[in-house]
Every structure is written in C-alpha cells, then in structure tokens.
Amino acid sequence: MSGVTTSPESIALSKDLRKRGWSFVGPTTMYAFMQAMGLVNDHIQGCTERRRALQARSVFKSAMTATTAPKSYRAKRSATARFPSFLTAAMALS
C-alpha cells in the first residue's frame, strides 16, 4: 500500500511559502507538517487511530475565533481562507 505524500493544499502552501522566501518547504514537507498539526487525517477507514483523531479534532478550540480576532485579521482571512488561521497569521509575519 502506497501512502499519500502531497495534497492540493500542501502544494499551494509550498508554492506560497516559496514565493515569500522560505526554503525547505516542499509539498511533501508541508503535507507532513499538516499531518503533525492535525490538519490532515489520512488514516484509512476502520483504523482505530482515525476515530481517535476525529474525536480529538472535534474538541479542539481555535485560539483565534471570528469573534475575538481583530477586524483587520478577519478581512485578510477571507482572502486567504484556503489556509488555516495559524498559517495565515504565520505567513503575515514573514
């Protein structure tokens, strides 16, 4: 069984970070990062870890919600909605 090593999101994130001058951010590295952060759940159906990952994700509370985020941040977020909020904030710092 071969594993998935990239996704359209990891490719887009990689390209965007490279445009911003980052290095060592290829699509595979970004996919691994997304897995580690819990953004990707690629456990196969029936895997006990898949259920545990989904349960953990369901109780996660974002540190920056739509009601607590500054108005300027919410405006920027709509333009970059394909990225999770913490990545959008990190990219804004670079």
C-alpha atoms as a PDB file:
ATOM      1  CA  MET A   1       0.000   0.000   0.000  1.00  0.00           C
ATOM      2  CA  SER A   2       1.495   3.325  -1.001  1.00  0.00           C
ATOM      3  CA  GLY A   3       0.982   6.394   1.123  1.00  0.00           C
ATOM      4  CA  VAL A   4      -0.214   9.823   0.150  1.00  0.00           C
ATOM      5  CA  THR A   5       2.611  12.335   0.374  1.00  0.00           C
ATOM      6  CA  THR A   6       1.053  15.518  -1.014  1.00  0.00           C
ATOM      7  CA  SER A   7      -2.302  17.193  -1.485  1.00  0.00           C
ATOM      8  CA  PRO A   8      -3.512  20.207  -3.460  1.00  0.00           C
ATOM      9  CA  GLU A   9      -3.405  22.202  -0.199  1.00  0.00           C
ATOM     10  CA  SER A  10       0.182  21.189   0.605  1.00  0.00           C
ATOM     11  CA  ILE A  11       1.254  22.102  -2.931  1.00  0.00           C
ATOM     12  CA  ALA A  12      -0.449  25.515  -2.691  1.00  0.00           C
ATOM     13  CA  LEU A  13       1.059  26.160   0.740  1.00  0.00           C
ATOM     14  CA  SER A  14       4.506  25.174  -0.507  1.00  0.00           C
ATOM     15  CA  LYS A  15       4.277  27.486  -3.513  1.00  0.00           C
ATOM     16  CA  ASP A  16       3.066  30.394  -1.396  1.00  0.00           C
ATOM     17  CA  LEU A  17       5.818  29.994   1.217  1.00  0.00           C
ATOM     18  CA  ARG A  18       8.488  29.737  -1.511  1.00  0.00           C
ATOM     19  CA  LYS A  19       7.204  32.990  -3.035  1.00  0.00           C
ATOM     20  CA  ARG A  20       7.670  34.550   0.409  1.00  0.00           C
ATOM     21  CA  GLY A  21      11.297  33.423   0.513  1.00  0.00           C
ATOM     22  CA  TRP A  22      11.007  30.325   2.701  1.00  0.00           C
ATOM     23  CA  SER A  23      13.165  27.296   1.937  1.00  0.00           C
ATOM     24  CA  PHE A  24      12.836  23.564   2.672  1.00  0.00           C
ATOM     25  CA  VAL A  25       9.066  23.836   2.308  1.00  0.00           C
ATOM     26  CA  GLY A  26       8.326  21.367  -0.483  1.00  0.00           C
ATOM     27  CA  PRO A  27       4.863  19.834  -0.882  1.00  0.00           C
ATOM     28  CA  THR A  28       5.846  16.626   0.934  1.00  0.00           C
ATOM     29  CA  THR A  29       7.305  18.559   3.861  1.00  0.00           C
ATOM     30  CA  MET A  30       4.172  20.705   4.053  1.00  0.00           C
ATOM     31  CA  TYR A  31       1.966  17.600   3.940  1.00  0.00           C
ATOM     32  CA  ALA A  32       3.949  16.088   6.832  1.00  0.00           C
ATOM     33  CA  PHE A  33       3.567  19.364   8.732  1.00  0.00           C
ATOM     34  CA  MET A  34      -0.180  19.357   8.087  1.00  0.00           C
ATOM     35  CA  GLN A  35      -0.379  15.755   9.359  1.00  0.00           C
ATOM     36  CA  ALA A  36       1.572  16.621  12.507  1.00  0.00           C
ATOM     37  CA  MET A  37      -0.695  19.605  13.205  1.00  0.00           C
ATOM     38  CA  GLY A  38      -3.835  17.510  12.775  1.00  0.00           C
ATOM     39  CA  LEU A  39      -4.969  19.300   9.636  1.00  0.00           C
ATOM     40  CA  VAL A  40      -4.905  16.061   7.661  1.00  0.00           C
ATOM     41  CA  ASN A  41      -6.433  12.808   8.858  1.00  0.00           C
ATOM     42  CA  ASP A  42      -5.342  10.199   6.340  1.00  0.00           C
ATOM     43  CA  HIS A  43      -5.917   7.125   8.489  1.00  0.00           C
ATOM     44  CA  ILE A  44      -7.859   4.557   6.467  1.00  0.00           C
ATOM     45  CA  GLN A  45     -11.486   3.704   7.270  1.00  0.00           C
ATOM     46  CA  GLY A  46     -11.623   1.171  10.095  1.00  0.00           C
ATOM     47  CA  CYS A  47      -8.333   2.271  11.656  1.00  0.00           C
ATOM     48  CA  THR A  48      -8.722   2.868  15.410  1.00  0.00           C
ATOM     49  CA  GLU A  49      -6.454   5.904  15.176  1.00  0.00           C
ATOM     50  CA  ARG A  50      -8.790   7.532  12.635  1.00  0.00           C
ATOM     51  CA  ARG A  51     -11.617   7.563  15.177  1.00  0.00           C
ATOM     52  CA  ARG A  52      -9.325   8.929  17.894  1.00  0.00           C
ATOM     53  CA  ALA A  53      -8.044  11.679  15.586  1.00  0.00           C
ATOM     54  CA  LEU A  54     -11.591  12.715  14.669  1.00  0.00           C
ATOM     55  CA  GLN A  55     -12.584  12.822  18.340  1.00  0.00           C
ATOM     56  CA  ALA A  56      -9.551  14.952  19.234  1.00  0.00           C
ATOM     57  CA  ARG A  57     -10.304  17.323  16.367  1.00  0.00           C
ATOM     58  CA  SER A  58     -13.941  17.737  17.457  1.00  0.00           C
ATOM     59  CA  VAL A  59     -12.952  19.120  20.888  1.00  0.00           C
ATOM     60  CA  PHE A  60     -10.220  21.448  19.597  1.00  0.00           C
ATOM     61  CA  LYS A  61     -10.918  25.126  20.187  1.00  0.00           C
ATOM     62  CA  SER A  62      -9.204  27.638  17.970  1.00  0.00           C
ATOM     63  CA  ALA A  63      -7.132  30.239  19.802  1.00  0.00           C
ATOM     64  CA  MET A  64      -8.400  32.935  17.479  1.00  0.00           C
ATOM     65  CA  THR A  65     -12.102  32.756  16.703  1.00  0.00           C
ATOM     66  CA  ALA A  66     -14.146  35.017  14.470  1.00  0.00           C
ATOM     67  CA  THR A  67     -15.433  36.944  17.499  1.00  0.00           C
ATOM     68  CA  THR A  68     -12.030  37.555  19.125  1.00  0.00           C
ATOM     69  CA  ALA A  69      -9.989  38.215  16.002  1.00  0.00           C
ATOM     70  CA  PRO A  70      -9.288  41.848  15.103  1.00  0.00           C
ATOM     71  CA  LYS A  71     -11.424  43.197  12.271  1.00  0.00           C
ATOM     72  CA  SER A  72      -8.383  43.654  10.005  1.00  0.00           C
ATOM     73  CA  TYR A  73      -7.462  39.994  10.531  1.00  0.00           C
ATOM     74  CA  ARG A  74     -10.975  38.811   9.629  1.00  0.00           C
ATOM     75  CA  ALA A  75     -10.843  40.859   6.407  1.00  0.00           C
ATOM     76  CA  LYS A  76      -7.490  39.314   5.447  1.00  0.00           C
ATOM     77  CA  ARG A  77      -8.734  35.839   6.353  1.00  0.00           C
ATOM     78  CA  SER A  78     -11.470  35.905   3.723  1.00  0.00           C
ATOM     79  CA  ALA A  79      -8.803  36.411   1.062  1.00  0.00           C
ATOM     80  CA  THR A  80      -6.711  33.512   2.364  1.00  0.00           C
ATOM     81  CA  ALA A  81      -9.447  31.159   3.546  1.00  0.00           C
ATOM     82  CA  ARG A  82      -7.770  28.139   1.967  1.00  0.00           C
ATOM     83  CA  PHE A  83      -5.156  28.210   4.759  1.00  0.00           C
ATOM     84  CA  PRO A  84      -5.842  27.547   8.447  1.00  0.00           C
ATOM     85  CA  SER A  85      -5.809  30.649  10.635  1.00  0.00           C
ATOM     86  CA  PHE A  86      -2.478  29.895  12.333  1.00  0.00           C
ATOM     87  CA  LEU A  87      -0.765  29.508   8.945  1.00  0.00           C
ATOM     88  CA  THR A  88      -2.297  32.733   7.670  1.00  0.00           C
ATOM     89  CA  ALA A  89      -1.053  34.554  10.790  1.00  0.00           C
ATOM     90  CA  ALA A  90       2.415  32.999  10.476  1.00  0.00           C
ATOM     91  CA  MET A  91       2.671  33.954   6.818  1.00  0.00           C
ATOM     92  CA  ALA A  92       1.659  37.538   7.636  1.00  0.00           C
ATOM     93  CA  LEU A  93       4.685  37.765   9.940  1.00  0.00           C
ATOM     94  CA  SER A  94       7.139  36.762   7.225  1.00  0.00           C
END
